[in-house]
PDB file of N, CA and C in Angstrom:
ATOM      1  N   ALA A   1      13.887  -8.035  -3.487  1.00  0.00           N
ATOM      2  CA  ALA A   1      14.187  -6.891  -4.340  1.00  0.00           C
ATOM      3  C   ALA A   1      12.906  -6.372  -4.968  1.00  0.00           C
ATOM      4  N   TYR A   2      12.902  -5.092  -5.301  1.00  0.00           N
ATOM      5  CA  TYR A   2      11.740  -4.508  -5.963  1.00  0.00           C
ATOM      6  C   TYR A   2      12.213  -3.382  -6.878  1.00  0.00           C
ATOM      7  N   ALA A   3      11.331  -2.995  -7.777  1.00  0.00           N
ATOM      8  CA  ALA A   3      11.587  -1.854  -8.657  1.00  0.00           C
ATOM      9  C   ALA A   3      10.354  -0.971  -8.621  1.00  0.00           C
ATOM     10  N   LEU A   4      10.551   0.309  -8.830  1.00  0.00           N
ATOM     11  CA  LEU A   4       9.466   1.271  -8.767  1.00  0.00           C
ATOM     12  C   LEU A   4       9.228   1.871 -10.144  1.00  0.00           C
ATOM     13  N   TYR A   5       7.973   1.854 -10.590  1.00  0.00           N
ATOM     14  CA  TYR A   5       7.583   2.549 -11.822  1.00  0.00           C
ATOM     15  C   TYR A   5       6.482   3.524 -11.422  1.00  0.00           C
ATOM     16  N   SER A   6       6.757   4.808 -11.537  1.00  0.00           N
ATOM     17  CA  SER A   6       5.809   5.801 -11.049  1.00  0.00           C
ATOM     18  C   SER A   6       5.498   6.913 -12.054  1.00  0.00           C
ATOM     19  N   ASP A   7       5.805   6.694 -13.301  1.00  0.00           N
ATOM     20  CA  ASP A   7       5.597   7.733 -14.314  1.00  0.00           C
ATOM     21  C   ASP A   7       4.212   7.648 -14.959  1.00  0.00           C
ATOM     22  N   ILE A   8       3.182   7.466 -14.155  1.00  0.00           N
ATOM     23  CA  ILE A   8       1.828   7.315 -14.668  1.00  0.00           C
ATOM     24  C   ILE A   8       1.115   8.658 -14.623  1.00  0.00           C
ATOM     25  N   LYS A   9       0.514   9.029 -15.735  1.00  0.00           N
ATOM     26  CA  LYS A   9      -0.216  10.287 -15.836  1.00  0.00           C
ATOM     27  C   LYS A   9      -1.602  10.137 -15.210  1.00  0.00           C
ATOM     28  N   PRO A  10      -2.264  11.255 -14.843  1.00  0.00           N
ATOM     29  CA  PRO A  10      -3.630  11.180 -14.304  1.00  0.00           C
ATOM     30  C   PRO A  10      -4.608  10.480 -15.261  1.00  0.00           C
ATOM     31  N   ASN A  11      -4.432  10.656 -16.541  1.00  0.00           N
ATOM     32  CA  ASN A  11      -5.169   9.895 -17.544  1.00  0.00           C
ATOM     33  C   ASN A  11      -4.123   9.098 -18.308  1.00  0.00           C
ATOM     34  N   PRO A  12      -3.882   7.844 -17.895  1.00  0.00           N
ATOM     35  CA  PRO A  12      -2.754   7.084 -18.435  1.00  0.00           C
ATOM     36  C   PRO A  12      -2.761   6.996 -19.960  1.00  0.00           C
ATOM     37  N   THR A  13      -1.581   7.055 -20.502  1.00  0.00           N
ATOM     38  CA  THR A  13      -1.409   6.970 -21.947  1.00  0.00           C
ATOM     39  C   THR A  13      -0.960   5.559 -22.337  1.00  0.00           C
ATOM     40  N   ILE A  14      -1.025   5.289 -23.600  1.00  0.00           N
ATOM     41  CA  ILE A  14      -0.518   4.012 -24.114  1.00  0.00           C
ATOM     42  C   ILE A  14       0.964   3.892 -23.783  1.00  0.00           C
ATOM     43  N   GLN A  15       1.669   5.008 -23.900  1.00  0.00           N
ATOM     44  CA  GLN A  15       3.106   5.003 -23.587  1.00  0.00           C
ATOM     45  C   GLN A  15       3.357   4.640 -22.126  1.00  0.00           C
ATOM     46  N   ASN A  16       2.465   5.091 -21.199  1.00  0.00           N
ATOM     47  CA  ASN A  16       2.603   4.717 -19.786  1.00  0.00           C
ATOM     48  C   ASN A  16       2.568   3.210 -19.632  1.00  0.00           C
ATOM     49  N   VAL A  17       1.635   2.559 -20.324  1.00  0.00           N
ATOM     50  CA  VAL A  17       1.499   1.103 -20.233  1.00  0.00           C
ATOM     51  C   VAL A  17       2.720   0.429 -20.847  1.00  0.00           C
ATOM     52  N   GLN A  18       3.136   0.885 -22.027  1.00  0.00           N
ATOM     53  CA  GLN A  18       4.285   0.275 -22.690  1.00  0.00           C
ATOM     54  C   GLN A  18       5.561   0.441 -21.852  1.00  0.00           C
ATOM     55  N   ASP A  19       5.731   1.601 -21.245  1.00  0.00           N
ATOM     56  CA  ASP A  19       6.896   1.819 -20.381  1.00  0.00           C
ATOM     57  C   ASP A  19       6.822   0.925 -19.142  1.00  0.00           C
ATOM     58  N   GLY A  20       5.615   0.736 -18.623  1.00  0.00           N
ATOM     59  CA  GLY A  20       5.430  -0.142 -17.465  1.00  0.00           C
ATOM     60  C   GLY A  20       5.743  -1.593 -17.793  1.00  0.00           C
ATOM     61  N   VAL A  21       5.347  -2.036 -18.977  1.00  0.00           N
ATOM     62  CA  VAL A  21       5.672  -3.400 -19.417  1.00  0.00           C
ATOM     63  C   VAL A  21       7.184  -3.558 -19.504  1.00  0.00           C
ATOM     64  N   ALA A  22       7.852  -2.563 -20.078  1.00  0.00           N
ATOM     65  CA  ALA A  22       9.323  -2.611 -20.180  1.00  0.00           C
ATOM     66  C   ALA A  22       9.964  -2.616 -18.794  1.00  0.00           C
ATOM     67  N   ALA A  23       9.426  -1.831 -17.870  1.00  0.00           N
ATOM     68  CA  ALA A  23       9.972  -1.783 -16.508  1.00  0.00           C
ATOM     69  C   ALA A  23       9.778  -3.120 -15.800  1.00  0.00           C
ATOM     70  N   PHE A  24       8.622  -3.745 -15.991  1.00  0.00           N
ATOM     71  CA  PHE A  24       8.349  -5.050 -15.388  1.00  0.00           C
ATOM     72  C   PHE A  24       9.364  -6.080 -15.891  1.00  0.00           C
ATOM     73  N   LYS A  25       9.573  -6.075 -17.207  1.00  0.00           N
ATOM     74  CA  LYS A  25      10.523  -7.028 -17.792  1.00  0.00           C
ATOM     75  C   LYS A  25      11.950  -6.753 -17.324  1.00  0.00           C
ATOM     76  N   ALA A  26      12.348  -5.489 -17.295  1.00  0.00           N
ATOM     77  CA  ALA A  26      13.713  -5.127 -16.881  1.00  0.00           C
ATOM     78  C   ALA A  26      13.975  -5.530 -15.434  1.00  0.00           C
ATOM     79  N   ALA A  27      12.948  -5.451 -14.595  1.00  0.00           N
ATOM     80  CA  ALA A  27      13.088  -5.808 -13.186  1.00  0.00           C
ATOM     81  C   ALA A  27      12.997  -7.309 -12.962  1.00  0.00           C
ATOM     82  N   GLU A  28      12.638  -8.045 -14.012  1.00  0.00           N
ATOM     83  CA  GLU A  28      12.397  -9.487 -13.890  1.00  0.00           C
ATOM     84  C   GLU A  28      11.439  -9.753 -12.731  1.00  0.00           C
ATOM     85  N   ALA A  29      10.365  -8.969 -12.703  1.00  0.00           N
ATOM     86  CA  ALA A  29       9.397  -9.024 -11.605  1.00  0.00           C
ATOM     87  C   ALA A  29       8.540 -10.287 -11.642  1.00  0.00           C
ATOM     88  N   ASP A  30       7.987 -10.613 -10.485  1.00  0.00           N
ATOM     89  CA  ASP A  30       7.088 -11.759 -10.342  1.00  0.00           C
ATOM     90  C   ASP A  30       5.641 -11.323 -10.189  1.00  0.00           C
ATOM     91  N   CYS A  31       5.438 -10.102  -9.685  1.00  0.00           N
ATOM     92  CA  CYS A  31       4.085  -9.619  -9.433  1.00  0.00           C
ATOM     93  C   CYS A  31       4.078  -8.097  -9.494  1.00  0.00           C
ATOM     94  N   ILE A  32       2.888  -7.524  -9.365  1.00  0.00           N
ATOM     95  CA  ILE A  32       2.720  -6.075  -9.376  1.00  0.00           C
ATOM     96  C   ILE A  32       2.013  -5.665  -8.090  1.00  0.00           C
ATOM     97  N   VAL A  33       2.510  -4.605  -7.463  1.00  0.00           N
ATOM     98  CA  VAL A  33       1.810  -3.972  -6.349  1.00  0.00           C
ATOM     99  C   VAL A  33       1.514  -2.556  -6.813  1.00  0.00           C
ATOM    100  N   THR A  34       0.243  -2.210  -6.897  1.00  0.00           N
ATOM    101  CA  THR A  34      -0.144  -0.879  -7.345  1.00  0.00           C
ATOM    102  C   THR A  34      -0.787  -0.120  -6.196  1.00  0.00           C
ATOM    103  N   ILE A  35      -0.340   1.105  -6.022  1.00  0.00           N
ATOM    104  CA  ILE A  35      -0.830   1.946  -4.930  1.00  0.00           C
ATOM    105  C   ILE A  35      -1.322   3.250  -5.542  1.00  0.00           C
ATOM    106  N   GLY A  36      -2.525   3.641  -5.198  1.00  0.00           N
ATOM    107  CA  GLY A  36      -3.029   4.910  -5.710  1.00  0.00           C
ATOM    108  C   GLY A  36      -4.481   4.834  -6.108  1.00  0.00           C
ATOM    109  N   GLY A  37      -4.822   5.648  -7.079  1.00  0.00           N
ATOM    110  CA  GLY A  37      -6.193   5.723  -7.563  1.00  0.00           C
ATOM    111  C   GLY A  37      -6.392   4.922  -8.834  1.00  0.00           C
ATOM    112  N   GLY A  38      -7.433   5.274  -9.545  1.00  0.00           N
ATOM    113  CA  GLY A  38      -7.813   4.532 -10.739  1.00  0.00           C
ATOM    114  C   GLY A  38      -6.751   4.506 -11.820  1.00  0.00           C
ATOM    115  N   SER A  39      -6.037   5.595 -12.001  1.00  0.00           N
ATOM    116  CA  SER A  39      -5.030   5.646 -13.058  1.00  0.00           C
ATOM    117  C   SER A  39      -3.930   4.616 -12.846  1.00  0.00           C
ATOM    118  N   SER A  40      -3.405   4.556 -11.631  1.00  0.00           N
ATOM    119  CA  SER A  40      -2.328   3.592 -11.374  1.00  0.00           C
ATOM    120  C   SER A  40      -2.854   2.163 -11.427  1.00  0.00           C
ATOM    121  N   MET A  41      -4.061   1.950 -10.948  1.00  0.00           N
ATOM    122  CA  MET A  41      -4.628   0.590 -10.965  1.00  0.00           C
ATOM    123  C   MET A  41      -4.960   0.136 -12.377  1.00  0.00           C
ATOM    124  N   ASP A  42      -5.528   1.024 -13.185  1.00  0.00           N
ATOM    125  CA  ASP A  42      -5.828   0.659 -14.573  1.00  0.00           C
ATOM    126  C   ASP A  42      -4.554   0.367 -15.348  1.00  0.00           C
ATOM    127  N   THR A  43      -3.519   1.172 -15.118  1.00  0.00           N
ATOM    128  CA  THR A  43      -2.243   0.950 -15.790  1.00  0.00           C
ATOM    129  C   THR A  43      -1.640  -0.380 -15.364  1.00  0.00           C
ATOM    130  N   ALA A  44      -1.677  -0.675 -14.079  1.00  0.00           N
ATOM    131  CA  ALA A  44      -1.139  -1.940 -13.571  1.00  0.00           C
ATOM    132  C   ALA A  44      -1.884  -3.136 -14.157  1.00  0.00           C
ATOM    133  N   LYS A  45      -3.210  -3.022 -14.265  1.00  0.00           N
ATOM    134  CA  LYS A  45      -3.986  -4.125 -14.847  1.00  0.00           C
ATOM    135  C   LYS A  45      -3.579  -4.362 -16.298  1.00  0.00           C
ATOM    136  N   ALA A  46      -3.419  -3.293 -17.057  1.00  0.00           N
ATOM    137  CA  ALA A  46      -3.015  -3.441 -18.459  1.00  0.00           C
ATOM    138  C   ALA A  46      -1.627  -4.058 -18.562  1.00  0.00           C
ATOM    139  N   ILE A  47      -0.705  -3.614 -17.718  1.00  0.00           N
ATOM    140  CA  ILE A  47       0.649  -4.180 -17.720  1.00  0.00           C
ATOM    141  C   ILE A  47       0.583  -5.671 -17.418  1.00  0.00           C
ATOM    142  N   GLY A  48      -0.160  -6.038 -16.385  1.00  0.00           N
ATOM    143  CA  GLY A  48      -0.271  -7.446 -15.991  1.00  0.00           C
ATOM    144  C   GLY A  48      -0.875  -8.323 -17.071  1.00  0.00           C
ATOM    145  N   ILE A  49      -1.848  -7.790 -17.798  1.00  0.00           N
ATOM    146  CA  ILE A  49      -2.465  -8.564 -18.879  1.00  0.00           C
ATOM    147  C   ILE A  49      -1.484  -8.736 -20.026  1.00  0.00           C
ATOM    148  N   ILE A  50      -0.811  -7.661 -20.401  1.00  0.00           N
ATOM    149  CA  ILE A  50       0.113  -7.720 -21.540  1.00  0.00           C
ATOM    150  C   ILE A  50       1.301  -8.638 -21.254  1.00  0.00           C
ATOM    151  N   ILE A  51       1.797  -8.625 -20.029  1.00  0.00           N
ATOM    152  CA  ILE A  51       2.920  -9.506 -19.694  1.00  0.00           C
ATOM    153  C   ILE A  51       2.562 -10.962 -19.971  1.00  0.00           C
ATOM    154  N   ASN A  52       1.363 -11.388 -19.590  1.00  0.00           N
ATOM    155  CA  ASN A  52       0.973 -12.789 -19.782  1.00  0.00           C
ATOM    156  C   ASN A  52       0.246 -13.040 -21.095  1.00  0.00           C
ATOM    157  N   ASN A  53      -0.081 -11.995 -21.828  1.00  0.00           N
ATOM    158  CA  ASN A  53      -0.761 -12.109 -23.121  1.00  0.00           C
ATOM    159  C   ASN A  53      -0.098 -11.128 -24.095  1.00  0.00           C
ATOM    160  N   PRO A  54       1.140 -11.393 -24.506  1.00  0.00           N
ATOM    161  CA  PRO A  54       1.889 -10.430 -25.312  1.00  0.00           C
ATOM    162  C   PRO A  54       1.243 -10.080 -26.653  1.00  0.00           C
ATOM    163  N   GLU A  55       0.300 -10.878 -27.096  1.00  0.00           N
ATOM    164  CA  GLU A  55      -0.379 -10.557 -28.360  1.00  0.00           C
ATOM    165  C   GLU A  55      -1.247  -9.298 -28.238  1.00  0.00           C
ATOM    166  N   PHE A  56      -1.447  -8.794 -27.015  1.00  0.00           N
ATOM    167  CA  PHE A  56      -2.207  -7.568 -26.785  1.00  0.00           C
ATOM    168  C   PHE A  56      -1.291  -6.373 -26.503  1.00  0.00           C
ATOM    169  N   ALA A  57      -0.032  -6.466 -26.887  1.00  0.00           N
ATOM    170  CA  ALA A  57       0.960  -5.430 -26.586  1.00  0.00           C
ATOM    171  C   ALA A  57       0.644  -4.079 -27.221  1.00  0.00           C
ATOM    172  N   ASP A  58      -0.226  -4.057 -28.226  1.00  0.00           N
ATOM    173  CA  ASP A  58      -0.564  -2.767 -28.837  1.00  0.00           C
ATOM    174  C   ASP A  58      -1.480  -1.925 -27.948  1.00  0.00           C
ATOM    175  N   VAL A  59      -1.906  -2.437 -26.830  1.00  0.00           N
ATOM    176  CA  VAL A  59      -2.707  -1.789 -25.783  1.00  0.00           C
ATOM    177  C   VAL A  59      -4.124  -1.486 -26.245  1.00  0.00           C
ATOM    178  N   ARG A  60      -4.307  -0.894 -27.417  1.00  0.00           N
ATOM    179  CA  ARG A  60      -5.654  -0.559 -27.899  1.00  0.00           C
ATOM    180  C   ARG A  60      -6.543  -1.796 -28.014  1.00  0.00           C
ATOM    181  N   SER A  61      -5.945  -2.941 -28.242  1.00  0.00           N
ATOM    182  CA  SER A  61      -6.731  -4.174 -28.377  1.00  0.00           C
ATOM    183  C   SER A  61      -7.360  -4.599 -27.051  1.00  0.00           C
ATOM    184  N   LEU A  62      -6.996  -3.949 -25.953  1.00  0.00           N
ATOM    185  CA  LEU A  62      -7.578  -4.272 -24.651  1.00  0.00           C
ATOM    186  C   LEU A  62      -8.873  -3.505 -24.380  1.00  0.00           C
ATOM    187  N   GLU A  63      -9.235  -2.573 -25.268  1.00  0.00           N
ATOM    188  CA  GLU A  63     -10.467  -1.816 -25.065  1.00  0.00           C
ATOM    189  C   GLU A  63     -11.666  -2.758 -25.160  1.00  0.00           C
ATOM    190  N   GLY A  64     -12.657  -2.523 -24.313  1.00  0.00           N
ATOM    191  CA  GLY A  64     -13.845  -3.372 -24.316  1.00  0.00           C
ATOM    192  C   GLY A  64     -13.530  -4.728 -23.714  1.00  0.00           C
ATOM    193  N   VAL A  65     -14.108  -5.764 -24.286  1.00  0.00           N
ATOM    194  CA  VAL A  65     -13.884  -7.131 -23.818  1.00  0.00           C
ATOM    195  C   VAL A  65     -12.792  -7.743 -24.680  1.00  0.00           C
ATOM    196  N   ALA A  66     -11.633  -7.978 -24.089  1.00  0.00           N
ATOM    197  CA  ALA A  66     -10.499  -8.548 -24.817  1.00  0.00           C
ATOM    198  C   ALA A  66     -10.449 -10.056 -24.574  1.00  0.00           C
ATOM    199  N   PRO A  67     -10.335 -10.839 -25.643  1.00  0.00           N
ATOM    200  CA  PRO A  67     -10.304 -12.298 -25.506  1.00  0.00           C
ATOM    201  C   PRO A  67      -8.934 -12.825 -25.071  1.00  0.00           C
ATOM    202  N   THR A  68      -8.492 -12.420 -23.897  1.00  0.00           N
ATOM    203  CA  THR A  68      -7.191 -12.870 -23.409  1.00  0.00           C
ATOM    204  C   THR A  68      -7.256 -14.355 -23.077  1.00  0.00           C
ATOM    205  N   LYS A  69      -6.125 -15.000 -23.177  1.00  0.00           N
ATOM    206  CA  LYS A  69      -6.047 -16.438 -22.922  1.00  0.00           C
ATOM    207  C   LYS A  69      -5.597 -16.745 -21.490  1.00  0.00           C
ATOM    208  N   LYS A  70      -4.766 -15.883 -20.929  1.00  0.00           N
ATOM    209  CA  LYS A  70      -4.199 -16.122 -19.596  1.00  0.00           C
ATOM    210  C   LYS A  70      -4.603 -15.007 -18.647  1.00  0.00           C
ATOM    211  N   HIS A  71      -4.636 -15.319 -17.363  1.00  0.00           N
ATOM    212  CA  HIS A  71      -4.889 -14.309 -16.342  1.00  0.00           C
ATOM    213  C   HIS A  71      -3.740 -13.321 -16.306  1.00  0.00           C
ATOM    214  N   ALA A  72      -4.002 -12.146 -15.789  1.00  0.00           N
ATOM    215  CA  ALA A  72      -2.952 -11.141 -15.606  1.00  0.00           C
ATOM    216  C   ALA A  72      -1.951 -11.629 -14.562  1.00  0.00           C
ATOM    217  N   VAL A  73      -0.805 -11.007 -14.554  1.00  0.00           N
ATOM    218  CA  VAL A  73       0.201 -11.254 -13.526  1.00  0.00           C
ATOM    219  C   VAL A  73      -0.452 -11.006 -12.159  1.00  0.00           C
ATOM    220  N   PHE A  74      -0.045 -11.759 -11.151  1.00  0.00           N
ATOM    221  CA  PHE A  74      -0.575 -11.556  -9.808  1.00  0.00           C
ATOM    222  C   PHE A  74      -0.377 -10.090  -9.423  1.00  0.00           C
ATOM    223  N   THR A  75      -1.478  -9.439  -9.036  1.00  0.00           N
ATOM    224  CA  THR A  75      -1.455  -8.010  -8.735  1.00  0.00           C
ATOM    225  C   THR A  75      -2.115  -7.732  -7.394  1.00  0.00           C
ATOM    226  N   ILE A  76      -1.467  -6.937  -6.579  1.00  0.00           N
ATOM    227  CA  ILE A  76      -2.030  -6.456  -5.319  1.00  0.00           C
ATOM    228  C   ILE A  76      -2.334  -4.980  -5.514  1.00  0.00           C
ATOM    229  N   ALA A  77      -3.592  -4.581  -5.287  1.00  0.00           N
ATOM    230  CA  ALA A  77      -3.991  -3.196  -5.467  1.00  0.00           C
ATOM    231  C   ALA A  77      -4.349  -2.574  -4.117  1.00  0.00           C
ATOM    232  N   VAL A  78      -3.719  -1.449  -3.821  1.00  0.00           N
ATOM    233  CA  VAL A  78      -3.968  -0.722  -2.584  1.00  0.00           C
ATOM    234  C   VAL A  78      -4.554   0.638  -2.956  1.00  0.00           C
ATOM    235  N   PRO A  79      -5.897   0.772  -2.870  1.00  0.00           N
ATOM    236  CA  PRO A  79      -6.502   2.052  -3.246  1.00  0.00           C
ATOM    237  C   PRO A  79      -6.258   3.126  -2.194  1.00  0.00           C
ATOM    238  N   THR A  80      -5.947   4.320  -2.657  1.00  0.00           N
ATOM    239  CA  THR A  80      -5.726   5.430  -1.727  1.00  0.00           C
ATOM    240  C   THR A  80      -6.758   6.523  -1.911  1.00  0.00           C
ATOM    241  N   THR A  81      -7.767   6.254  -2.735  1.00  0.00           N
ATOM    242  CA  THR A  81      -8.840   7.216  -2.950  1.00  0.00           C
ATOM    243  C   THR A  81     -10.166   6.526  -2.719  1.00  0.00           C
ATOM    244  N   ALA A  82     -11.193   7.322  -2.486  1.00  0.00           N
ATOM    245  CA  ALA A  82     -12.535   6.766  -2.273  1.00  0.00           C
ATOM    246  C   ALA A  82     -13.368   6.839  -3.547  1.00  0.00           C
ATOM    247  N   GLY A  83     -12.793   7.302  -4.633  1.00  0.00           N
ATOM    248  CA  GLY A  83     -13.526   7.428  -5.887  1.00  0.00           C
ATOM    249  C   GLY A  83     -14.243   8.758  -5.973  1.00  0.00           C
ATOM    250  N   THR A  84     -14.881   8.981  -7.091  1.00  0.00           N
ATOM    251  CA  THR A  84     -15.555  10.260  -7.317  1.00  0.00           C
ATOM    252  C   THR A  84     -17.066  10.146  -7.243  1.00  0.00           C
ATOM    253  N   ALA A  85     -17.567   8.955  -7.024  1.00  0.00           N
ATOM    254  CA  ALA A  85     -19.025   8.772  -7.008  1.00  0.00           C
ATOM    255  C   ALA A  85     -19.611   9.104  -5.652  1.00  0.00           C
TER     256      ALA A  85
END
């Protein structure tokens, strides 16, 4: 079984991450598969970190170097862009 969360903005918002965390929990997921560019991958990384480190649920605390205790949820990233550089 799988669930799809695709409401990610081109410049992801805090709400995108919080909604993704809720979707992960509602689906009782085991891992994350992210497909797309930087926005979807960055959002997936934040979701994966927050799931295993709920003390960072405010999202802003992840800016810079965050002292997380656990690794993020297992995540598979499939990039569909070559970047802008």
